[in-house]
Amino acid sequence: MEDIAYKIIKPEPELSDYIESFWMIANLSAESKEIVVLPNATIDLSLSNASSEPFHIMLMGLENEASQTSLSPNMKIFAISFKLPAIEYLFKTSIADLVNQVRPLPADFWGFNSDDLQNFDDFHVKASNKIKTLIREKMDARKRKLFELIYASNGALTVKELSDKVYWSSRQINRYFNQQFGISLKLYCNLLRFSASFQQLNEGKLYPEQNYTDQAHFIREIKKFSGVVPGELAKNKNDRFIQLSALKKQ
């Protein structure tokens, strides 16, 4: 899709415990573009508008299935992809009710407005500065270690391994995950491992590199979360899988 523009900026180290990336996507054409959004194990705050749509801000919860949508003509989206600790320590809320759902936010949330969609680099700076003012509470040491292990391993560690390493029972961890994020720790790790496979699939590598049990397990998990087998996902016909298309242009 030559009419689709992408850009991704990684956060500075000070924000890396809470943010996975800042990103933008824009439909530069006067026609709608059909896309498939894959689960990527993040919570997204997005600002968007289009020729036929007003400015709005949305919070997207965790997704455990692929979803088909369309980019309206001349639509522009600037977004922040958050890691899980941001929900408790920045938003100070629960998103247990937002699995595969979105929550509309006020049009002035965090001081954003439609003018912030004029320049992505300026949006990145403004969002970073705002988020720094929200980091007031030190993260619980046990939770910090848990999330560090989850992200460093791309979800490859088992629930038992994580539980043993942080001295927190798997039952208590799962209660925390379900109450805070709406899914179990195991499912979240599976989603993270799936999203970590995007790069290898984009390179046409169809064998597991993320600690899957075997090839059959890899195929099952890819199909479960994307709706297609690894070969079809890697081909990305018509650039419909938007995250893989974005990787090609980075």
C-alpha atoms as a PDB file:
ATOM      1  CA  MET A   1       0.000   0.000   0.000  1.00  0.00           C
ATOM      2  CA  GLU A   2       2.014   2.918  -1.291  1.00  0.00           C
ATOM      3  CA  ASP A   3      -0.650   5.322  -0.033  1.00  0.00           C
ATOM      4  CA  ILE A   4      -0.074   4.277   3.582  1.00  0.00           C
ATOM      5  CA  ALA A   5       2.581   6.073   5.657  1.00  0.00           C
ATOM      6  CA  TYR A   6       4.097   4.609   8.836  1.00  0.00           C
ATOM      7  CA  LYS A   7       6.516   5.754  11.490  1.00  0.00           C
ATOM      8  CA  ILE A   8       7.622   4.222  14.802  1.00  0.00           C
ATOM      9  CA  ILE A   9       9.682   5.854  17.577  1.00  0.00           C
ATOM     10  CA  LYS A  10      10.994   3.900  20.551  1.00  0.00           C
ATOM     11  CA  PRO A  11      10.770   5.580  23.982  1.00  0.00           C
ATOM     12  CA  GLU A  12      13.714   7.026  25.833  1.00  0.00           C
ATOM     13  CA  PRO A  13      15.075   4.808  28.665  1.00  0.00           C
ATOM     14  CA  GLU A  14      13.239   6.793  31.346  1.00  0.00           C
ATOM     15  CA  LEU A  15       9.908   5.677  29.859  1.00  0.00           C
ATOM     16  CA  SER A  16      10.800   2.168  28.704  1.00  0.00           C
ATOM     17  CA  ASP A  17       9.157   0.448  31.699  1.00  0.00           C
ATOM     18  CA  TYR A  18       5.811   1.829  30.573  1.00  0.00           C
ATOM     19  CA  ILE A  19       5.961   2.407  26.808  1.00  0.00           C
ATOM     20  CA  GLU A  20       6.690  -0.001  23.964  1.00  0.00           C
ATOM     21  CA  SER A  21       6.593   2.609  21.195  1.00  0.00           C
ATOM     22  CA  PHE A  22       5.057   5.727  19.704  1.00  0.00           C
ATOM     23  CA  TRP A  23       3.663   5.163  16.215  1.00  0.00           C
ATOM     24  CA  MET A  24       1.703   6.744  13.422  1.00  0.00           C
ATOM     25  CA  ILE A  25      -0.195   5.501  10.398  1.00  0.00           C
ATOM     26  CA  ALA A  26      -1.799   7.667   7.753  1.00  0.00           C
ATOM     27  CA  ASN A  27      -3.934   6.915   4.724  1.00  0.00           C
ATOM     28  CA  LEU A  28      -2.711   9.455   2.186  1.00  0.00           C
ATOM     29  CA  SER A  29      -5.337   8.575  -0.405  1.00  0.00           C
ATOM     30  CA  ALA A  30      -8.972   9.501  -0.989  1.00  0.00           C
ATOM     31  CA  GLU A  31     -10.014   5.847  -0.777  1.00  0.00           C
ATOM     32  CA  SER A  32     -10.624   3.582   2.224  1.00  0.00           C
ATOM     33  CA  LYS A  33      -7.956   0.937   2.862  1.00  0.00           C
ATOM     34  CA  GLU A  34      -8.901  -2.455   4.319  1.00  0.00           C
ATOM     35  CA  ILE A  35      -6.401  -3.775   6.877  1.00  0.00           C
ATOM     36  CA  VAL A  36      -6.045  -6.566   9.439  1.00  0.00           C
ATOM     37  CA  VAL A  37      -4.751  -5.651  12.907  1.00  0.00           C
ATOM     38  CA  LEU A  38      -2.935  -8.462  14.728  1.00  0.00           C
ATOM     39  CA  PRO A  39      -2.781  -8.847  18.524  1.00  0.00           C
ATOM     40  CA  ASN A  40       0.479  -7.257  19.672  1.00  0.00           C
ATOM     41  CA  ALA A  41       0.358  -7.495  23.489  1.00  0.00           C
ATOM     42  CA  THR A  42       0.125  -3.729  24.067  1.00  0.00           C
ATOM     43  CA  ILE A  43      -2.513  -1.263  25.191  1.00  0.00           C
ATOM     44  CA  ASP A  44      -2.876   1.576  22.701  1.00  0.00           C
ATOM     45  CA  LEU A  45      -3.898   5.182  23.247  1.00  0.00           C
ATOM     46  CA  SER A  46      -4.713   6.705  19.863  1.00  0.00           C
ATOM     47  CA  LEU A  47      -5.571  10.143  18.494  1.00  0.00           C
ATOM     48  CA  SER A  48      -7.227  10.129  15.093  1.00  0.00           C
ATOM     49  CA  ASN A  49      -9.291  12.000  12.545  1.00  0.00           C
ATOM     50  CA  ALA A  50     -10.230  11.747   8.878  1.00  0.00           C
ATOM     51  CA  SER A  51     -12.008  13.731   6.179  1.00  0.00           C
ATOM     52  CA  SER A  52     -15.379  12.327   7.231  1.00  0.00           C
ATOM     53  CA  GLU A  53     -14.716  11.809  10.952  1.00  0.00           C
ATOM     54  CA  PRO A  54     -14.211  14.159  13.913  1.00  0.00           C
ATOM     55  CA  PHE A  55     -11.110  14.147  16.110  1.00  0.00           C
ATOM     56  CA  HIS A  56     -11.266  11.530  18.855  1.00  0.00           C
ATOM     57  CA  ILE A  57      -9.097   9.760  21.429  1.00  0.00           C
ATOM     58  CA  MET A  58      -9.493   6.054  22.217  1.00  0.00           C
ATOM     59  CA  LEU A  59      -7.972   3.537  24.606  1.00  0.00           C
ATOM     60  CA  MET A  60      -7.691   0.025  23.129  1.00  0.00           C
ATOM     61  CA  GLY A  61      -7.420  -2.883  25.571  1.00  0.00           C
ATOM     62  CA  LEU A  62      -5.524  -6.096  24.979  1.00  0.00           C
ATOM     63  CA  GLU A  63      -6.510  -8.092  21.911  1.00  0.00           C
ATOM     64  CA  ASN A  64      -6.411 -11.876  21.621  1.00  0.00           C
ATOM     65  CA  GLU A  65      -7.659 -12.158  18.048  1.00  0.00           C
ATOM     66  CA  ALA A  66      -7.049 -10.487  14.707  1.00  0.00           C
ATOM     67  CA  SER A  67      -9.535  -7.831  13.654  1.00  0.00           C
ATOM     68  CA  GLN A  68     -10.395  -6.415  10.244  1.00  0.00           C
ATOM     69  CA  THR A  69     -10.961  -2.701   9.906  1.00  0.00           C
ATOM     70  CA  SER A  70     -10.495   0.095   7.405  1.00  0.00           C
ATOM     71  CA  LEU A  71      -8.587   3.344   7.276  1.00  0.00           C
ATOM     72  CA  SER A  72     -10.916   6.095   6.088  1.00  0.00           C
ATOM     73  CA  PRO A  73      -9.780   8.457   3.311  1.00  0.00           C
ATOM     74  CA  ASN A  74      -7.047  10.825   4.537  1.00  0.00           C
ATOM     75  CA  MET A  75      -7.200   9.254   7.985  1.00  0.00           C
ATOM     76  CA  LYS A  76      -4.327   9.904  10.355  1.00  0.00           C
ATOM     77  CA  ILE A  77      -3.615   8.069  13.627  1.00  0.00           C
ATOM     78  CA  PHE A  78      -0.945   8.988  16.188  1.00  0.00           C
ATOM     79  CA  ALA A  79      -0.669   6.488  19.042  1.00  0.00           C
ATOM     80  CA  ILE A  80       1.224   5.315  22.096  1.00  0.00           C
ATOM     81  CA  SER A  81       1.620   1.572  22.680  1.00  0.00           C
ATOM     82  CA  PHE A  82       1.875   0.925  26.411  1.00  0.00           C
ATOM     83  CA  LYS A  83       3.321  -1.988  28.322  1.00  0.00           C
ATOM     84  CA  LEU A  84       1.138  -3.455  31.061  1.00  0.00           C
ATOM     85  CA  PRO A  85       2.546  -1.528  34.078  1.00  0.00           C
ATOM     86  CA  ALA A  86       1.247   1.714  32.542  1.00  0.00           C
ATOM     87  CA  ILE A  87      -2.325   0.700  33.341  1.00  0.00           C
ATOM     88  CA  GLU A  88      -1.752   0.629  37.079  1.00  0.00           C
ATOM     89  CA  TYR A  89       0.899   3.320  37.416  1.00  0.00           C
ATOM     90  CA  LEU A  90      -0.061   5.886  34.751  1.00  0.00           C
ATOM     91  CA  PHE A  91      -3.771   5.370  34.058  1.00  0.00           C
ATOM     92  CA  LYS A  92      -4.475   4.110  37.588  1.00  0.00           C
ATOM     93  CA  THR A  93      -7.398   2.004  36.440  1.00  0.00           C
ATOM     94  CA  SER A  94      -8.321  -1.493  35.260  1.00  0.00           C
ATOM     95  CA  ILE A  95      -8.854  -2.548  31.651  1.00  0.00           C
ATOM     96  CA  ALA A  96     -10.342  -5.954  32.479  1.00  0.00           C
ATOM     97  CA  ASP A  97     -13.474  -4.962  30.555  1.00  0.00           C
ATOM     98  CA  LEU A  98     -11.534  -3.886  27.448  1.00  0.00           C
ATOM     99  CA  VAL A  99     -10.363  -7.189  25.964  1.00  0.00           C
ATOM    100  CA  ASN A 100     -10.935  -6.743  22.212  1.00  0.00           C
ATOM    101  CA  GLN A 101     -12.729  -3.483  23.033  1.00  0.00           C
ATOM    102  CA  VAL A 102     -12.061   0.255  22.970  1.00  0.00           C
ATOM    103  CA  ARG A 103     -12.921   2.982  25.460  1.00  0.00           C
ATOM    104  CA  PRO A 104     -13.626   6.505  24.167  1.00  0.00           C
ATOM    105  CA  LEU A 105     -11.744   9.162  26.131  1.00  0.00           C
ATOM    106  CA  PRO A 106     -12.419  12.904  26.444  1.00  0.00           C
ATOM    107  CA  ALA A 107     -11.171  14.892  23.436  1.00  0.00           C
ATOM    108  CA  ASP A 108      -8.795  16.802  25.747  1.00  0.00           C
ATOM    109  CA  PHE A 109      -7.416  13.738  27.531  1.00  0.00           C
ATOM    110  CA  TRP A 110      -3.880  14.431  28.865  1.00  0.00           C
ATOM    111  CA  GLY A 111      -4.055  17.841  27.228  1.00  0.00           C
ATOM    112  CA  PHE A 112      -4.144  16.488  23.670  1.00  0.00           C
ATOM    113  CA  ASN A 113      -6.156  18.143  20.904  1.00  0.00           C
ATOM    114  CA  SER A 114      -6.623  17.943  17.151  1.00  0.00           C
ATOM    115  CA  ASP A 115      -3.596  20.178  16.528  1.00  0.00           C
ATOM    116  CA  ASP A 116      -1.388  17.392  17.872  1.00  0.00           C
ATOM    117  CA  LEU A 117      -2.060  15.433  14.676  1.00  0.00           C
ATOM    118  CA  GLN A 118      -0.161  18.018  12.613  1.00  0.00           C
ATOM    119  CA  ASN A 119       3.344  16.735  13.366  1.00  0.00           C
ATOM    120  CA  PHE A 120       4.235  13.267  14.671  1.00  0.00           C
ATOM    121  CA  ASP A 121       7.623  14.265  16.107  1.00  0.00           C
ATOM    122  CA  ASP A 122       6.012  17.089  18.078  1.00  0.00           C
ATOM    123  CA  PHE A 123       3.336  14.660  19.302  1.00  0.00           C
ATOM    124  CA  HIS A 124       6.061  12.259  20.475  1.00  0.00           C
ATOM    125  CA  VAL A 125       7.771  15.022  22.473  1.00  0.00           C
ATOM    126  CA  LYS A 126       4.526  16.313  23.992  1.00  0.00           C
ATOM    127  CA  ALA A 127       3.335  12.814  24.930  1.00  0.00           C
ATOM    128  CA  SER A 128       6.719  11.904  26.452  1.00  0.00           C
ATOM    129  CA  ASN A 129       6.791  15.042  28.575  1.00  0.00           C
ATOM    130  CA  LYS A 130       3.211  14.464  29.767  1.00  0.00           C
ATOM    131  CA  ILE A 131       3.901  10.857  30.722  1.00  0.00           C
ATOM    132  CA  LYS A 132       6.971  11.865  32.733  1.00  0.00           C
ATOM    133  CA  THR A 133       4.736  14.033  34.928  1.00  0.00           C
ATOM    134  CA  LEU A 134       2.504  11.016  35.618  1.00  0.00           C
ATOM    135  CA  ILE A 135       5.282   8.779  36.961  1.00  0.00           C
ATOM    136  CA  ARG A 136       4.935   9.630  40.633  1.00  0.00           C
ATOM    137  CA  GLU A 137       4.687   6.244  42.305  1.00  0.00           C
ATOM    138  CA  LYS A 138       7.592   3.812  42.425  1.00  0.00           C
ATOM    139  CA  MET A 139       6.705   0.465  40.895  1.00  0.00           C
ATOM    140  CA  ASP A 140       6.318  -2.409  43.324  1.00  0.00           C
ATOM    141  CA  ALA A 141       9.634  -4.319  43.265  1.00  0.00           C
ATOM    142  CA  ARG A 142       7.985  -7.709  42.757  1.00  0.00           C
ATOM    143  CA  LYS A 143       5.876  -6.463  39.859  1.00  0.00           C
ATOM    144  CA  ARG A 144       8.880  -4.709  38.317  1.00  0.00           C
ATOM    145  CA  LYS A 145      10.873  -7.941  38.314  1.00  0.00           C
ATOM    146  CA  LEU A 146       7.909  -9.910  36.943  1.00  0.00           C
ATOM    147  CA  PHE A 147       7.436  -7.548  34.009  1.00  0.00           C
ATOM    148  CA  GLU A 148      11.163  -7.335  33.343  1.00  0.00           C
ATOM    149  CA  LEU A 149      11.281 -11.136  33.022  1.00  0.00           C
ATOM    150  CA  ILE A 150       8.165 -11.284  30.840  1.00  0.00           C
ATOM    151  CA  TYR A 151       9.417  -8.673  28.379  1.00  0.00           C
ATOM    152  CA  ALA A 152      13.064  -9.784  28.357  1.00  0.00           C
ATOM    153  CA  SER A 153      11.992 -13.333  27.442  1.00  0.00           C
ATOM    154  CA  ASN A 154       9.299 -12.212  24.954  1.00  0.00           C
ATOM    155  CA  GLY A 155       6.826 -14.325  26.914  1.00  0.00           C
ATOM    156  CA  ALA A 156       8.865 -17.527  26.614  1.00  0.00           C
ATOM    157  CA  LEU A 157       9.026 -18.292  30.356  1.00  0.00           C
ATOM    158  CA  THR A 158       6.306 -20.455  31.881  1.00  0.00           C
ATOM    159  CA  VAL A 159       3.983 -19.207  34.597  1.00  0.00           C
ATOM    160  CA  LYS A 160       5.747 -21.498  37.085  1.00  0.00           C
ATOM    161  CA  GLU A 161       9.180 -20.192  36.114  1.00  0.00           C
ATOM    162  CA  LEU A 162       8.004 -16.611  36.531  1.00  0.00           C
ATOM    163  CA  SER A 163       6.297 -17.402  39.823  1.00  0.00           C
ATOM    164  CA  ASP A 164       9.424 -19.062  41.225  1.00  0.00           C
ATOM    165  CA  LYS A 165      11.692 -16.211  40.153  1.00  0.00           C
ATOM    166  CA  VAL A 166       9.601 -13.434  41.716  1.00  0.00           C
ATOM    167  CA  TYR A 167       8.403 -15.373  44.803  1.00  0.00           C
ATOM    168  CA  TRP A 168       4.765 -14.692  43.988  1.00  0.00           C
ATOM    169  CA  SER A 169       2.293 -17.556  43.664  1.00  0.00           C
ATOM    170  CA  SER A 170       0.895 -18.262  40.211  1.00  0.00           C
ATOM    171  CA  ARG A 171      -2.600 -18.052  41.675  1.00  0.00           C
ATOM    172  CA  GLN A 172      -1.970 -14.531  42.986  1.00  0.00           C
ATOM    173  CA  ILE A 173      -0.319 -13.441  39.728  1.00  0.00           C
ATOM    174  CA  ASN A 174      -3.251 -14.700  37.675  1.00  0.00           C
ATOM    175  CA  ARG A 175      -5.719 -12.962  39.981  1.00  0.00           C
ATOM    176  CA  TYR A 176      -3.786  -9.726  39.467  1.00  0.00           C
ATOM    177  CA  PHE A 177      -3.687 -10.191  35.667  1.00  0.00           C
ATOM    178  CA  ASN A 178      -7.371 -11.043  35.366  1.00  0.00           C
ATOM    179  CA  GLN A 179      -8.487  -8.181  37.599  1.00  0.00           C
ATOM    180  CA  GLN A 180      -6.162  -5.625  36.050  1.00  0.00           C
ATOM    181  CA  PHE A 181      -5.928  -6.650  32.383  1.00  0.00           C
ATOM    182  CA  GLY A 182      -8.782  -9.110  31.752  1.00  0.00           C
ATOM    183  CA  ILE A 183      -6.631 -12.104  30.738  1.00  0.00           C
ATOM    184  CA  SER A 184      -4.397 -14.682  32.422  1.00  0.00           C
ATOM    185  CA  LEU A 185      -0.614 -14.421  32.614  1.00  0.00           C
ATOM    186  CA  LYS A 186      -0.254 -17.474  30.357  1.00  0.00           C
ATOM    187  CA  LEU A 187      -2.419 -15.946  27.640  1.00  0.00           C
ATOM    188  CA  TYR A 188      -0.509 -12.675  27.852  1.00  0.00           C
ATOM    189  CA  CYS A 189       2.821 -14.483  27.484  1.00  0.00           C
ATOM    190  CA  ASN A 190       1.447 -16.344  24.455  1.00  0.00           C
ATOM    191  CA  LEU A 191       0.362 -13.041  22.901  1.00  0.00           C
ATOM    192  CA  LEU A 192       3.756 -11.495  23.542  1.00  0.00           C
ATOM    193  CA  ARG A 193       5.548 -14.484  22.024  1.00  0.00           C
ATOM    194  CA  PHE A 194       3.238 -14.297  18.999  1.00  0.00           C
ATOM    195  CA  SER A 195       3.958 -10.592  18.449  1.00  0.00           C
ATOM    196  CA  ALA A 196       7.694 -11.254  18.840  1.00  0.00           C
ATOM    197  CA  SER A 197       7.407 -13.545  15.792  1.00  0.00           C
ATOM    198  CA  PHE A 198       6.372 -10.707  13.463  1.00  0.00           C
ATOM    199  CA  GLN A 199       9.948  -9.877  12.508  1.00  0.00           C
ATOM    200  CA  GLN A 200      10.928 -13.432  11.588  1.00  0.00           C
ATOM    201  CA  LEU A 201       7.690 -13.947   9.636  1.00  0.00           C
ATOM    202  CA  ASN A 202       8.304 -10.677   7.832  1.00  0.00           C
ATOM    203  CA  GLU A 203      11.679 -12.114   6.800  1.00  0.00           C
ATOM    204  CA  GLY A 204       9.999 -15.285   5.502  1.00  0.00           C
ATOM    205  CA  LYS A 205      11.278 -17.499   8.334  1.00  0.00           C
ATOM    206  CA  LEU A 206       8.567 -20.111   8.942  1.00  0.00           C
ATOM    207  CA  TYR A 207      10.190 -22.080  11.745  1.00  0.00           C
ATOM    208  CA  PRO A 208       9.790 -21.266  15.450  1.00  0.00           C
ATOM    209  CA  GLU A 209      12.361 -18.939  16.989  1.00  0.00           C
ATOM    210  CA  GLN A 210      10.456 -17.968  20.145  1.00  0.00           C
ATOM    211  CA  ASN A 211      10.706 -21.145  22.243  1.00  0.00           C
ATOM    212  CA  TYR A 212       7.647 -22.887  20.828  1.00  0.00           C
ATOM    213  CA  THR A 213       7.540 -26.618  21.616  1.00  0.00           C
ATOM    214  CA  ASP A 214       7.792 -27.660  17.968  1.00  0.00           C
ATOM    215  CA  GLN A 215       6.709 -26.703  14.453  1.00  0.00           C
ATOM    216  CA  ALA A 216       3.143 -27.929  14.982  1.00  0.00           C
ATOM    217  CA  HIS A 217       2.807 -25.825  18.140  1.00  0.00           C
ATOM    218  CA  PHE A 218       4.149 -22.781  16.279  1.00  0.00           C
ATOM    219  CA  ILE A 219       1.633 -23.221  13.451  1.00  0.00           C
ATOM    220  CA  ARG A 220      -1.279 -23.661  15.876  1.00  0.00           C
ATOM    221  CA  GLU A 221      -0.407 -20.543  17.858  1.00  0.00           C
ATOM    222  CA  ILE A 222       0.133 -18.366  14.786  1.00  0.00           C
ATOM    223  CA  LYS A 223      -3.187 -19.492  13.309  1.00  0.00           C
ATOM    224  CA  LYS A 224      -4.960 -19.032  16.651  1.00  0.00           C
ATOM    225  CA  PHE A 225      -4.018 -15.365  16.927  1.00  0.00           C
ATOM    226  CA  SER A 226      -3.845 -14.342  13.257  1.00  0.00           C
ATOM    227  CA  GLY A 227      -6.485 -16.574  11.669  1.00  0.00           C
ATOM    228  CA  VAL A 228      -4.004 -17.869   9.070  1.00  0.00           C
ATOM    229  CA  VAL A 229      -1.017 -20.244   8.937  1.00  0.00           C
ATOM    230  CA  PRO A 230       2.543 -18.817   9.133  1.00  0.00           C
ATOM    231  CA  GLY A 231       3.114 -19.101   5.368  1.00  0.00           C
ATOM    232  CA  GLU A 232       0.077 -16.988   4.530  1.00  0.00           C
ATOM    233  CA  LEU A 233       0.911 -14.463   7.234  1.00  0.00           C
ATOM    234  CA  ALA A 234       4.483 -14.152   5.919  1.00  0.00           C
ATOM    235  CA  LYS A 235       3.265 -13.558   2.344  1.00  0.00           C
ATOM    236  CA  ASN A 236       1.061 -10.720   3.621  1.00  0.00           C
ATOM    237  CA  LYS A 237      -0.887 -10.552   0.373  1.00  0.00           C
ATOM    238  CA  ASN A 238      -2.015  -7.011  -0.498  1.00  0.00           C
ATOM    239  CA  ASP A 239      -0.182  -5.756   2.607  1.00  0.00           C
ATOM    240  CA  ARG A 240      -3.304  -6.446   4.618  1.00  0.00           C
ATOM    241  CA  PHE A 241      -1.519  -7.370   7.881  1.00  0.00           C
ATOM    242  CA  ILE A 242      -0.670  -3.859   8.908  1.00  0.00           C
ATOM    243  CA  GLN A 243       2.046  -4.581  11.502  1.00  0.00           C
ATOM    244  CA  LEU A 244       4.055  -6.677   9.053  1.00  0.00           C
ATOM    245  CA  SER A 245       3.665  -4.016   6.371  1.00  0.00           C
ATOM    246  CA  ALA A 246       4.949  -1.402   8.815  1.00  0.00           C
ATOM    247  CA  LEU A 247       8.031  -3.524   9.596  1.00  0.00           C
ATOM    248  CA  LYS A 248       8.922  -3.627   5.896  1.00  0.00           C
ATOM    249  CA  LYS A 249       9.034   0.156   5.770  1.00  0.00           C
ATOM    250  CA  GLN A 250      11.119   0.672   8.901  1.00  0.00           C
END
